[in-house]
Amino acid sequence: MLLVIEHSDVAPLGTLGPILMDHAHRLKVVRLSRGEPLPRDLDDVDGLIVCGGPQSANDTTPVMQRGLELIREAHGRSLPVLGICLGAQMLAKALGGEVGALDPGENGGGPEIGWDLVRLTPAGREDPLFTGIGWTAPQFHWHGEQVTKLPPGARALASSARTKVQAFGVGLRSYGLQYHPEVDERGIQRLLVDGAREMQQHKISADSILTQTRTHLATFERSAQRLFASWTLYVAPSDRKNPGVARDLVH
């Protein structure tokens, strides 16, 4: 069973869910925004996926601290761990990295919202997670913080103009993605409605993002499907549900 932690109703597992189930995974989804509690332990858990949300990995709330503990425990057991956006920042924080404000952009700062190119590093080009994916690809973003210091031993796998760490790996089975490969067109529209005030504050055009979405969506969805299939095949194959043992994985 894969444990999925969702921090927000507008940042769910998205398109990753059906791919996981197609590869014979069972999912247990904990929706924190609806008051559902985190589990006491990782018994019967074969992997952990931590989704995005408006919280900060630097929050001192009991829920955030418990989430960081679960990530550390899963990584320590060599269970597959995938963090997306906030989840990536939590993964870095849990394993000894640092999270801070996003670097200022051309407009003097603010969140990174919308489309931008993400480029694989030399390490990313060789990583099996990105097999068959272009070295430069348009990705969808919505974040105001970033990983400012990677955990010890981590590999930087991708970057963008404003965000130095767009993807990273730690060990054989823990990966963080700052961007949002799990969203579809409907999810993007929902984010634009939910985040309208934030976009207005930073003078970000929803119409411009929707226009870019129509341009990039087909390529983006193909890359996301390939990425998630690679995660299930190389990092979290359903026929290797053996907690604490990472076998036959080569980077």
Protein backbone atom coordinates (compact mmCIF):
# COMPACT_ATOMS: atom_id res chain seq x y z
CA MET A 1 0.00 0.00 0.00
CA LEU A 2 1.23 3.50 -0.85
CA LEU A 3 0.49 6.20 1.71
CA VAL A 4 -0.48 9.51 0.08
CA ILE A 5 -0.51 12.73 2.11
CA GLU A 6 -2.61 15.52 0.58
CA HIS A 7 -2.25 18.94 2.22
CA SER A 8 -4.86 20.77 0.13
CA ASP A 9 -7.99 19.99 -1.87
CA VAL A 10 -6.54 22.00 -4.79
CA ALA A 11 -3.25 20.05 -4.79
CA PRO A 12 -4.33 16.39 -4.82
CA LEU A 13 -2.54 13.35 -6.21
CA GLY A 14 -4.06 14.18 -9.59
CA THR A 15 -3.00 12.27 -12.69
CA LEU A 16 -0.49 10.22 -10.70
CA GLY A 17 -3.29 8.28 -8.99
CA PRO A 18 -4.64 6.35 -12.00
CA ILE A 19 -1.11 5.47 -13.14
CA LEU A 20 -0.27 4.03 -9.73
CA MET A 21 -3.43 1.94 -9.70
CA ASP A 22 -2.76 0.77 -13.27
CA HIS A 23 0.55 -0.57 -11.93
CA ALA A 24 -1.24 -2.59 -9.21
CA HIS A 25 -0.66 -0.24 -6.28
CA ARG A 26 -3.25 0.21 -3.55
CA LEU A 27 -3.52 3.76 -2.20
CA LYS A 28 -4.34 5.10 1.24
CA VAL A 29 -4.97 8.84 0.90
CA VAL A 30 -4.85 11.05 4.01
CA ARG A 31 -6.49 14.42 3.33
CA LEU A 32 -5.13 16.79 5.97
CA SER A 33 -7.33 19.66 4.78
CA ARG A 34 -10.35 17.59 5.82
CA GLY A 35 -8.97 16.84 9.26
CA GLU A 36 -7.92 13.27 8.56
CA PRO A 37 -5.11 12.14 10.89
CA LEU A 38 -1.68 10.96 9.87
CA PRO A 39 -0.97 7.30 10.72
CA ARG A 40 0.87 6.34 13.88
CA ASP A 41 3.33 4.16 11.99
CA LEU A 42 4.27 2.90 8.55
CA ASP A 43 3.26 -0.71 9.11
CA ASP A 44 1.88 -2.20 5.87
CA VAL A 45 3.11 0.87 3.94
CA ASP A 46 5.25 0.20 0.86
CA GLY A 47 5.93 3.82 -0.11
CA LEU A 48 5.10 7.44 0.69
CA ILE A 49 3.90 10.25 -1.58
CA VAL A 50 3.64 13.78 -0.16
CA CYS A 51 1.68 16.30 -2.21
CA GLY A 52 1.69 20.09 -2.36
CA GLY A 53 -0.17 22.73 -0.39
CA PRO A 54 -0.01 26.29 0.96
CA GLN A 55 1.83 25.30 4.15
CA SER A 56 5.56 25.74 4.72
CA ALA A 57 8.05 22.99 5.46
CA ASN A 58 9.35 25.38 8.15
CA ASP A 59 6.02 25.40 10.02
CA THR A 60 6.24 24.22 13.61
CA THR A 61 2.71 22.79 13.76
CA PRO A 62 2.31 19.24 15.12
CA VAL A 63 0.94 18.08 11.77
CA MET A 64 3.95 19.37 9.86
CA GLN A 65 6.39 17.91 12.38
CA ARG A 66 4.67 14.55 12.18
CA GLY A 67 4.82 14.67 8.40
CA LEU A 68 8.56 15.29 8.53
CA GLU A 69 8.94 12.36 10.93
CA LEU A 70 7.10 10.03 8.56
CA ILE A 71 9.34 11.11 5.69
CA ARG A 72 12.47 10.46 7.74
CA GLU A 73 11.15 7.06 8.80
CA ALA A 74 10.18 6.06 5.26
CA HIS A 75 13.56 7.14 3.89
CA GLY A 76 15.35 5.35 6.70
CA ARG A 77 13.51 2.14 5.82
CA SER A 78 14.45 2.53 2.12
CA LEU A 79 10.79 2.87 1.18
CA PRO A 80 10.08 4.81 -2.02
CA VAL A 81 9.39 8.47 -1.20
CA LEU A 82 8.09 11.05 -3.69
CA GLY A 83 7.57 14.68 -2.65
CA ILE A 84 5.80 17.14 -4.95
CA CYS A 85 6.11 20.93 -4.42
CA LEU A 86 5.59 21.32 -0.65
CA GLY A 87 6.29 17.59 -0.40
CA ALA A 88 9.68 18.10 -2.05
CA GLN A 89 10.53 20.87 0.39
CA MET A 90 9.46 18.64 3.28
CA LEU A 91 11.67 15.83 1.98
CA ALA A 92 14.66 18.16 1.86
CA LYS A 93 13.91 19.58 5.32
CA ALA A 94 13.33 16.15 6.87
CA LEU A 95 16.69 14.84 5.64
CA GLY A 96 18.82 17.78 6.73
CA GLY A 97 18.37 20.32 3.94
CA GLU A 98 16.98 23.84 4.15
CA VAL A 99 13.93 25.62 2.74
CA GLY A 100 13.60 29.36 2.24
CA ALA A 101 12.08 32.15 0.17
CA LEU A 102 12.13 32.00 -3.60
CA ASP A 103 14.80 34.12 -5.25
CA PRO A 104 13.55 37.43 -6.72
CA GLY A 105 12.65 37.29 -10.38
CA GLU A 106 12.47 39.91 -13.11
CA ASN A 107 9.54 41.59 -11.35
CA GLY A 108 11.35 41.82 -8.03
CA GLY A 109 10.08 38.70 -6.31
CA GLY A 110 6.88 36.92 -5.48
CA PRO A 111 5.86 33.33 -6.13
CA GLU A 112 6.64 31.34 -9.25
CA ILE A 113 3.23 30.74 -10.77
CA GLY A 114 2.56 29.39 -14.24
CA TRP A 115 4.75 27.86 -16.92
CA ASP A 116 8.51 27.87 -17.24
CA LEU A 117 11.18 25.61 -18.67
CA VAL A 118 12.80 23.05 -16.40
CA ARG A 119 16.23 21.76 -17.42
CA LEU A 120 17.75 18.48 -16.32
CA THR A 121 21.21 18.60 -14.81
CA PRO A 122 23.89 16.16 -16.04
CA ALA A 123 22.90 13.90 -13.13
CA GLY A 124 19.23 14.22 -14.08
CA ARG A 125 19.91 13.20 -17.67
CA GLU A 126 21.38 9.93 -16.38
CA ASP A 127 18.74 9.22 -13.74
CA PRO A 128 16.24 6.46 -14.61
CA LEU A 129 13.36 8.58 -13.31
CA PHE A 130 13.74 10.88 -16.32
CA THR A 131 14.22 8.19 -18.96
CA GLY A 132 12.70 9.27 -22.27
CA ILE A 133 11.99 12.83 -21.07
CA GLY A 134 13.46 15.84 -22.86
CA TRP A 135 16.37 17.56 -21.19
CA THR A 136 14.37 20.81 -21.33
CA ALA A 137 10.60 20.73 -20.87
CA PRO A 138 7.79 23.15 -19.94
CA GLN A 139 6.47 22.51 -16.44
CA PHE A 140 3.73 24.07 -14.31
CA HIS A 141 4.71 25.84 -11.08
CA TRP A 142 3.02 27.31 -8.03
CA HIS A 143 5.36 27.99 -5.13
CA GLY A 144 6.75 30.83 -3.05
CA GLU A 145 9.49 28.86 -1.29
CA GLN A 146 12.21 26.55 -2.52
CA VAL A 147 14.92 24.17 -1.40
CA THR A 148 17.83 26.46 -0.60
CA LYS A 149 20.18 23.73 0.60
CA LEU A 150 20.03 20.09 -0.41
CA PRO A 151 20.30 17.34 2.21
CA PRO A 152 23.69 15.66 2.62
CA GLY A 153 24.37 13.30 -0.27
CA ALA A 154 21.47 14.57 -2.40
CA ARG A 155 21.72 14.92 -6.18
CA ALA A 156 20.35 18.02 -7.95
CA LEU A 157 18.45 16.67 -10.95
CA ALA A 158 16.74 19.70 -12.51
CA SER A 159 16.55 23.50 -12.29
CA SER A 160 14.74 26.49 -13.79
CA ALA A 161 15.53 30.17 -14.22
CA ARG A 162 14.21 31.13 -10.78
CA THR A 163 14.49 27.86 -8.90
CA LYS A 164 17.89 26.22 -8.64
CA VAL A 165 16.49 22.93 -7.31
CA GLN A 166 13.47 21.81 -9.34
CA ALA A 167 14.15 18.12 -8.76
CA PHE A 168 16.50 16.13 -6.56
CA GLY A 169 17.15 12.62 -5.37
CA VAL A 170 18.49 11.23 -2.12
CA GLY A 171 19.71 7.65 -2.10
CA LEU A 172 18.01 5.16 -4.38
CA ARG A 173 14.32 5.74 -3.63
CA SER A 174 13.67 9.29 -2.39
CA TYR A 175 12.82 11.98 -4.95
CA GLY A 176 11.55 15.56 -4.75
CA LEU A 177 9.88 17.53 -7.56
CA GLN A 178 9.32 21.24 -7.02
CA TYR A 179 7.07 21.62 -10.07
CA HIS A 180 3.62 20.05 -10.53
CA PRO A 181 3.62 17.19 -13.06
CA GLU A 182 0.45 15.78 -11.48
CA VAL A 183 -1.93 18.57 -12.54
CA ASP A 184 -4.22 18.40 -15.55
CA GLU A 185 -6.03 21.23 -17.33
CA ARG A 186 -8.96 21.13 -14.92
CA GLY A 187 -6.56 21.18 -11.96
CA ILE A 188 -4.79 24.23 -13.36
CA GLN A 189 -8.11 26.03 -13.80
CA ARG A 190 -9.03 25.20 -10.21
CA LEU A 191 -5.71 26.54 -8.94
CA LEU A 192 -6.21 29.77 -10.86
CA VAL A 193 -9.62 30.28 -9.24
CA ASP A 194 -8.40 29.38 -5.76
CA GLY A 195 -5.29 31.54 -6.08
CA ALA A 196 -6.90 34.53 -7.81
CA ARG A 197 -6.13 36.91 -4.97
CA GLU A 198 -2.47 35.89 -4.82
CA MET A 199 -2.15 36.28 -8.59
CA GLN A 200 -3.77 39.71 -8.50
CA GLN A 201 -1.41 40.78 -5.72
CA HIS A 202 1.61 39.86 -7.85
CA LYS A 203 0.11 41.02 -11.16
CA ILE A 204 0.08 37.56 -12.72
CA SER A 205 -2.37 37.09 -15.59
CA ALA A 206 -4.64 34.06 -15.48
CA ASP A 207 -5.49 34.54 -19.16
CA SER A 208 -1.81 34.37 -20.06
CA ILE A 209 -1.39 31.15 -18.07
CA LEU A 210 -4.43 29.59 -19.77
CA THR A 211 -3.04 30.52 -23.19
CA GLN A 212 0.29 28.92 -22.32
CA THR A 213 -1.55 25.89 -20.96
CA ARG A 214 -3.14 25.27 -24.34
CA THR A 215 0.32 25.52 -25.95
CA HIS A 216 2.17 23.24 -23.53
CA LEU A 217 -0.46 20.80 -22.26
CA ALA A 218 0.01 17.92 -24.70
CA THR A 219 3.81 17.81 -24.27
CA PHE A 220 3.48 18.32 -20.52
CA GLU A 221 1.01 15.45 -20.09
CA ARG A 222 3.16 13.03 -22.13
CA SER A 223 6.21 13.87 -20.02
CA ALA A 224 4.24 13.50 -16.78
CA GLN A 225 2.90 10.09 -17.78
CA ARG A 226 6.40 8.92 -18.67
CA LEU A 227 7.80 10.29 -15.41
CA PHE A 228 5.18 8.58 -13.25
CA ALA A 229 5.49 5.32 -15.16
CA SER A 230 9.24 5.40 -14.57
CA TRP A 231 8.67 6.02 -10.86
CA THR A 232 6.42 2.99 -10.60
CA LEU A 233 8.74 0.78 -12.67
CA TYR A 234 12.17 1.77 -11.34
CA VAL A 235 11.55 3.23 -7.89
CA ALA A 236 8.33 1.70 -6.57
CA PRO A 237 7.51 -1.45 -8.56
CA SER A 238 4.51 -3.25 -7.10
CA ASP A 239 6.29 -6.62 -7.22
CA ARG A 240 9.03 -5.43 -4.85
CA LYS A 241 6.94 -4.62 -1.81
CA ASN A 242 9.67 -5.42 0.68
CA PRO A 243 9.98 -2.64 3.27
CA GLY A 244 13.52 -1.81 4.25
CA VAL A 245 15.19 -3.39 1.25
CA ALA A 246 16.17 -1.59 -1.95
CA ARG A 247 17.08 -4.18 -4.55
CA ASP A 248 18.38 -4.10 -8.11
CA LEU A 249 18.28 -0.32 -8.40
CA VAL A 250 21.21 1.26 -10.19
CA HIS A 251 21.84 4.95 -10.84
